[in-house]
Amino acid sequence: MSIKKSYGKVELIREIANRAGFTIGDVKIIIDTLIDLFEEVALLKGSMRIDNMISMFVKELPTREGYNPKTKQREKFPPTSRIYVRVSENIRDKLRDSSKKE
């Protein structure tokens, strides 16, 4: 199996369409809808799990004190949100199994 390290949206759509035998238009609708779902989760600061694939959640980080390398002074940074994406355990297990075979 040959896979690229990075796909643009159009390349990803074409690759999925070729592998699955769907039209490019159908796959584009699916990918656009998936992106909309991810954006919704991020904006609503929620979480989403796609079984046997990924889980995604937003975590609020509190105000923190840190160092600004430009000014070389300590300053307070405002609260922020981070998006975390985790690959499902069955995918991680496949990776572990494949690395044992090598």
N, C-alpha and C. Protein backbone atom coordinates (compact mmCIF):
# COMPACT_ATOMS: atom_id res chain seq x y z
N MET A 1 0.85 -1.17 0.00
CA MET A 1 0.00 0.00 0.00
C MET A 1 0.89 1.24 0.00
N SER A 2 0.60 2.14 -0.89
CA SER A 2 1.36 3.38 -0.99
C SER A 2 0.49 4.53 -0.48
N ILE A 3 1.04 5.30 0.43
CA ILE A 3 0.29 6.42 0.98
C ILE A 3 1.20 7.63 1.07
N LYS A 4 0.65 8.79 0.77
CA LYS A 4 1.42 10.01 0.85
C LYS A 4 1.47 10.49 2.30
N LYS A 5 2.44 11.33 2.60
CA LYS A 5 2.55 11.88 3.95
C LYS A 5 1.55 13.00 4.18
N SER A 6 1.18 13.69 3.13
CA SER A 6 0.28 14.83 3.27
C SER A 6 -0.65 14.89 2.07
N TYR A 7 -1.91 15.15 2.34
CA TYR A 7 -2.90 15.30 1.28
C TYR A 7 -3.55 16.66 1.37
N GLY A 8 -3.75 17.29 0.24
CA GLY A 8 -4.63 18.45 0.18
C GLY A 8 -6.05 17.91 0.13
N LYS A 9 -7.02 18.77 0.30
CA LYS A 9 -8.42 18.33 0.32
C LYS A 9 -8.80 17.64 -0.99
N VAL A 10 -8.42 18.23 -2.12
CA VAL A 10 -8.76 17.66 -3.43
C VAL A 10 -8.09 16.30 -3.61
N GLU A 11 -6.83 16.20 -3.22
CA GLU A 11 -6.11 14.91 -3.34
C GLU A 11 -6.75 13.84 -2.47
N LEU A 12 -7.14 14.21 -1.26
CA LEU A 12 -7.79 13.26 -0.36
C LEU A 12 -9.11 12.78 -0.95
N ILE A 13 -9.89 13.69 -1.49
CA ILE A 13 -11.17 13.33 -2.10
C ILE A 13 -10.95 12.36 -3.26
N ARG A 14 -9.98 12.65 -4.11
CA ARG A 14 -9.70 11.76 -5.24
C ARG A 14 -9.24 10.38 -4.78
N GLU A 15 -8.37 10.35 -3.77
CA GLU A 15 -7.86 9.07 -3.26
C GLU A 15 -8.99 8.21 -2.70
N ILE A 16 -9.86 8.81 -1.90
CA ILE A 16 -10.99 8.07 -1.33
C ILE A 16 -11.92 7.60 -2.44
N ALA A 17 -12.22 8.47 -3.40
CA ALA A 17 -13.10 8.10 -4.51
C ALA A 17 -12.53 6.92 -5.29
N ASN A 18 -11.23 6.95 -5.56
CA ASN A 18 -10.59 5.86 -6.29
C ASN A 18 -10.63 4.56 -5.51
N ARG A 19 -10.33 4.61 -4.23
CA ARG A 19 -10.30 3.38 -3.42
C ARG A 19 -11.68 2.81 -3.18
N ALA A 20 -12.67 3.69 -2.96
CA ALA A 20 -14.01 3.22 -2.59
C ALA A 20 -14.93 3.02 -3.79
N GLY A 21 -14.56 3.56 -4.93
CA GLY A 21 -15.40 3.42 -6.11
C GLY A 21 -16.59 4.37 -6.12
N PHE A 22 -16.49 5.47 -5.35
CA PHE A 22 -17.54 6.48 -5.34
C PHE A 22 -17.17 7.59 -6.31
N THR A 23 -18.15 8.44 -6.62
CA THR A 23 -17.84 9.58 -7.47
C THR A 23 -17.11 10.64 -6.64
N ILE A 24 -16.35 11.46 -7.31
CA ILE A 24 -15.63 12.53 -6.63
C ILE A 24 -16.64 13.48 -5.97
N GLY A 25 -17.76 13.74 -6.63
CA GLY A 25 -18.79 14.62 -6.07
C GLY A 25 -19.37 14.09 -4.76
N ASP A 26 -19.63 12.77 -4.72
CA ASP A 26 -20.17 12.16 -3.49
C ASP A 26 -19.16 12.24 -2.35
N VAL A 27 -17.91 11.94 -2.65
CA VAL A 27 -16.87 11.98 -1.61
C VAL A 27 -16.67 13.41 -1.13
N LYS A 28 -16.75 14.38 -2.05
CA LYS A 28 -16.61 15.80 -1.66
C LYS A 28 -17.68 16.18 -0.65
N ILE A 29 -18.91 15.75 -0.87
CA ILE A 29 -20.01 16.03 0.06
C ILE A 29 -19.71 15.42 1.43
N ILE A 30 -19.21 14.20 1.44
CA ILE A 30 -18.90 13.52 2.69
C ILE A 30 -17.77 14.24 3.44
N ILE A 31 -16.71 14.58 2.74
CA ILE A 31 -15.57 15.26 3.37
C ILE A 31 -16.00 16.63 3.88
N ASP A 32 -16.76 17.39 3.09
CA ASP A 32 -17.23 18.70 3.53
C ASP A 32 -18.10 18.59 4.78
N THR A 33 -18.95 17.58 4.83
CA THR A 33 -19.80 17.36 5.99
C THR A 33 -18.97 16.99 7.22
N LEU A 34 -17.96 16.16 7.03
CA LEU A 34 -17.07 15.78 8.13
C LEU A 34 -16.32 17.00 8.67
N ILE A 35 -15.85 17.85 7.78
CA ILE A 35 -15.16 19.09 8.19
C ILE A 35 -16.14 19.98 8.96
N ASP A 36 -17.38 20.08 8.50
CA ASP A 36 -18.39 20.87 9.21
C ASP A 36 -18.61 20.34 10.63
N LEU A 37 -18.64 19.00 10.76
CA LEU A 37 -18.81 18.40 12.09
C LEU A 37 -17.64 18.74 13.00
N PHE A 38 -16.42 18.65 12.48
CA PHE A 38 -15.24 18.99 13.27
C PHE A 38 -15.29 20.46 13.71
N GLU A 39 -15.67 21.35 12.79
CA GLU A 39 -15.76 22.77 13.12
C GLU A 39 -16.81 23.02 14.19
N GLU A 40 -17.94 22.32 14.10
CA GLU A 40 -19.00 22.46 15.09
C GLU A 40 -18.52 22.06 16.47
N VAL A 41 -17.82 20.93 16.54
CA VAL A 41 -17.28 20.47 17.82
C VAL A 41 -16.34 21.52 18.39
N ALA A 42 -15.48 22.07 17.55
CA ALA A 42 -14.51 23.07 18.01
C ALA A 42 -15.23 24.33 18.50
N LEU A 43 -16.18 24.83 17.72
CA LEU A 43 -16.86 26.07 18.09
C LEU A 43 -17.73 25.92 19.33
N LEU A 44 -18.35 24.76 19.49
CA LEU A 44 -19.21 24.52 20.66
C LEU A 44 -18.41 24.00 21.85
N LYS A 45 -17.09 23.84 21.64
CA LYS A 45 -16.19 23.32 22.69
C LYS A 45 -16.71 22.01 23.24
N GLY A 46 -17.10 21.13 22.32
CA GLY A 46 -17.66 19.84 22.69
C GLY A 46 -16.69 18.71 22.46
N SER A 47 -17.25 17.54 22.23
CA SER A 47 -16.43 16.36 21.94
C SER A 47 -17.18 15.48 20.96
N MET A 48 -16.43 14.63 20.28
CA MET A 48 -17.01 13.74 19.28
C MET A 48 -16.15 12.49 19.21
N ARG A 49 -16.79 11.36 19.06
CA ARG A 49 -16.06 10.12 18.91
C ARG A 49 -16.59 9.38 17.70
N ILE A 50 -15.68 8.96 16.84
CA ILE A 50 -16.03 8.12 15.71
C ILE A 50 -15.44 6.76 16.04
N ASP A 51 -16.30 5.81 16.38
CA ASP A 51 -15.83 4.48 16.81
C ASP A 51 -14.84 3.89 15.83
N ASN A 52 -13.82 3.26 16.35
CA ASN A 52 -12.77 2.59 15.58
C ASN A 52 -11.99 3.54 14.68
N MET A 53 -12.03 4.84 14.99
CA MET A 53 -11.29 5.79 14.18
C MET A 53 -10.61 6.84 15.05
N ILE A 54 -11.37 7.84 15.51
CA ILE A 54 -10.77 8.91 16.32
C ILE A 54 -11.74 9.40 17.39
N SER A 55 -11.19 10.09 18.37
CA SER A 55 -12.01 10.89 19.27
C SER A 55 -11.41 12.29 19.28
N MET A 56 -12.27 13.27 19.43
CA MET A 56 -11.85 14.66 19.37
C MET A 56 -12.55 15.40 20.49
N PHE A 57 -11.81 16.24 21.21
CA PHE A 57 -12.43 17.04 22.25
C PHE A 57 -11.69 18.35 22.42
N VAL A 58 -12.39 19.32 22.98
CA VAL A 58 -11.83 20.65 23.22
C VAL A 58 -11.63 20.79 24.72
N LYS A 59 -10.47 21.29 25.09
CA LYS A 59 -10.15 21.47 26.49
C LYS A 59 -9.82 22.94 26.73
N GLU A 60 -10.42 23.50 27.76
CA GLU A 60 -10.15 24.89 28.14
C GLU A 60 -8.91 24.93 29.02
N LEU A 61 -7.97 25.77 28.66
CA LEU A 61 -6.77 25.96 29.48
C LEU A 61 -6.90 27.29 30.21
N PRO A 62 -6.60 27.31 31.51
CA PRO A 62 -6.78 28.53 32.30
C PRO A 62 -5.71 29.59 31.97
N THR A 63 -5.92 30.77 32.53
CA THR A 63 -4.92 31.83 32.41
C THR A 63 -3.61 31.30 32.99
N ARG A 64 -2.52 31.64 32.35
CA ARG A 64 -1.23 31.17 32.85
C ARG A 64 -0.20 32.28 32.75
N GLU A 65 0.82 32.14 33.57
CA GLU A 65 1.92 33.09 33.51
C GLU A 65 3.05 32.43 32.73
N GLY A 66 3.64 33.19 31.84
CA GLY A 66 4.70 32.62 31.03
C GLY A 66 5.73 33.67 30.67
N TYR A 67 6.65 33.28 29.82
CA TYR A 67 7.76 34.13 29.41
C TYR A 67 7.60 34.48 27.95
N ASN A 68 7.70 35.76 27.63
CA ASN A 68 7.61 36.21 26.26
C ASN A 68 9.04 36.42 25.74
N PRO A 69 9.49 35.58 24.80
CA PRO A 69 10.88 35.69 24.34
C PRO A 69 11.19 36.99 23.60
N LYS A 70 10.17 37.61 23.01
CA LYS A 70 10.41 38.88 22.30
C LYS A 70 10.75 40.01 23.28
N THR A 71 9.94 40.12 24.33
CA THR A 71 10.15 41.21 25.29
C THR A 71 11.06 40.79 26.44
N LYS A 72 11.30 39.49 26.55
CA LYS A 72 12.11 38.92 27.63
C LYS A 72 11.55 39.25 29.01
N GLN A 73 10.23 39.28 29.07
CA GLN A 73 9.55 39.55 30.34
C GLN A 73 8.49 38.49 30.58
N ARG A 74 8.14 38.35 31.86
CA ARG A 74 7.06 37.44 32.22
C ARG A 74 5.75 38.17 31.99
N GLU A 75 4.75 37.45 31.52
CA GLU A 75 3.45 38.05 31.32
C GLU A 75 2.36 37.02 31.49
N LYS A 76 1.14 37.50 31.68
CA LYS A 76 -0.01 36.60 31.82
C LYS A 76 -0.62 36.37 30.44
N PHE A 77 -0.88 35.11 30.17
CA PHE A 77 -1.53 34.74 28.92
C PHE A 77 -2.98 34.39 29.23
N PRO A 78 -3.91 34.86 28.40
CA PRO A 78 -5.34 34.64 28.67
C PRO A 78 -5.73 33.17 28.51
N PRO A 79 -6.90 32.81 29.04
CA PRO A 79 -7.39 31.44 28.85
C PRO A 79 -7.52 31.14 27.36
N THR A 80 -7.32 29.90 27.02
CA THR A 80 -7.38 29.50 25.61
C THR A 80 -7.98 28.10 25.50
N SER A 81 -8.35 27.73 24.31
CA SER A 81 -8.90 26.40 24.05
C SER A 81 -7.94 25.62 23.19
N ARG A 82 -7.84 24.34 23.44
CA ARG A 82 -7.02 23.44 22.63
C ARG A 82 -7.89 22.31 22.12
N ILE A 83 -7.62 21.90 20.90
CA ILE A 83 -8.34 20.76 20.32
C ILE A 83 -7.42 19.55 20.38
N TYR A 84 -7.91 18.47 20.94
CA TYR A 84 -7.15 17.23 21.03
C TYR A 84 -7.83 16.18 20.16
N VAL A 85 -7.02 15.46 19.41
CA VAL A 85 -7.53 14.38 18.56
C VAL A 85 -6.72 13.14 18.90
N ARG A 86 -7.42 12.06 19.21
CA ARG A 86 -6.75 10.80 19.54
C ARG A 86 -7.21 9.72 18.58
N VAL A 87 -6.25 8.95 18.15
CA VAL A 87 -6.54 7.83 17.26
C VAL A 87 -7.06 6.68 18.11
N SER A 88 -8.00 5.91 17.56
CA SER A 88 -8.60 4.82 18.33
C SER A 88 -7.58 3.73 18.66
N GLU A 89 -7.89 2.99 19.69
CA GLU A 89 -6.98 1.96 20.17
C GLU A 89 -6.75 0.86 19.15
N ASN A 90 -7.78 0.51 18.37
CA ASN A 90 -7.58 -0.56 17.39
C ASN A 90 -6.57 -0.15 16.30
N ILE A 91 -6.53 1.14 15.95
CA ILE A 91 -5.53 1.62 14.98
C ILE A 91 -4.15 1.60 15.61
N ARG A 92 -4.06 2.03 16.87
CA ARG A 92 -2.76 1.98 17.57
C ARG A 92 -2.27 0.54 17.70
N ASP A 93 -3.19 -0.41 17.96
CA ASP A 93 -2.81 -1.82 18.06
C ASP A 93 -2.26 -2.34 16.74
N LYS A 94 -2.87 -1.94 15.64
CA LYS A 94 -2.37 -2.36 14.32
C LYS A 94 -0.97 -1.84 14.08
N LEU A 95 -0.72 -0.62 14.51
CA LEU A 95 0.62 -0.04 14.38
C LEU A 95 1.62 -0.83 15.21
N ARG A 96 1.24 -1.14 16.45
CA ARG A 96 2.14 -1.93 17.31
C ARG A 96 2.42 -3.31 16.70
N ASP A 97 1.38 -3.95 16.18
CA ASP A 97 1.53 -5.28 15.57
C ASP A 97 2.43 -5.22 14.35
N SER A 98 2.28 -4.19 13.54
CA SER A 98 3.10 -4.09 12.33
C SER A 98 4.55 -3.80 12.67
N SER A 99 4.81 -3.06 13.75
CA SER A 99 6.20 -2.77 14.13
C SER A 99 6.88 -4.00 14.73
N LYS A 100 6.09 -4.91 15.31
CA LYS A 100 6.68 -6.16 15.84
C LYS A 100 7.14 -7.08 14.73
N LYS A 101 6.44 -7.04 13.59
CA LYS A 101 6.76 -7.92 12.47
C LYS A 101 8.06 -7.51 11.76
N GLU A 102 8.40 -6.24 11.88
CA GLU A 102 9.62 -5.75 11.17
C GLU A 102 10.88 -6.11 11.87
